[in-house]
């Protein structure tokens, strides 16, 4: 009888350990899947948002509803900014990096922190917006670069699909490239 009880307890322990391993692996899989989906959603959504604003002739604004809620799009600061409509944008380099993200499998609402950096903006003011004086001098007015911005991004699972519901401005930050140059200058001096 003792042998049967020991054997029974042994198999219960083995089964318990296996169930714990399966539960941890399953939870890890769903966490990784959600985090990956959120990162792709945010990076692609922010890139499409910039593309629609800066190259509207090449991109359809209706595509933004794949990433953002229609309610948010109506109040988006960048999309409603008419300043860039006055410029002929030739080229731009806009980069989004996810700084903080975490999502449990049972969560339906998640908050991420992202940083948006515009490395380059090539464009000039359209002729119809130039003053007569600027036209006579042949002056070209370059397009203003967006400030490097950190956002808090709110995402919600709607119909089993992650969607961006809001972008909340956190702060502007300085471009980090000059700091790297300063470090290399001090190394050259040594």
Foldseek 3Di string as FASTA:
>chain_A
DVVVVVVVVVVVVVVVVVVVVVVVVVQVVLFVVVVVQVQVLVFVLVVLLVCCQQVVVVHPPVVSVLAAPPVAVVVDPSNPDCLNVQKNWDDWDKGKDWDDWTDGNPDFKTKTKMKIDIPDTFIWGDPVPDDPVCVVVVHTHGDDDDFIWMWIWMWGQDPNHIHTYYTHTDDTDDDCVVVVVVVVVVVVVD
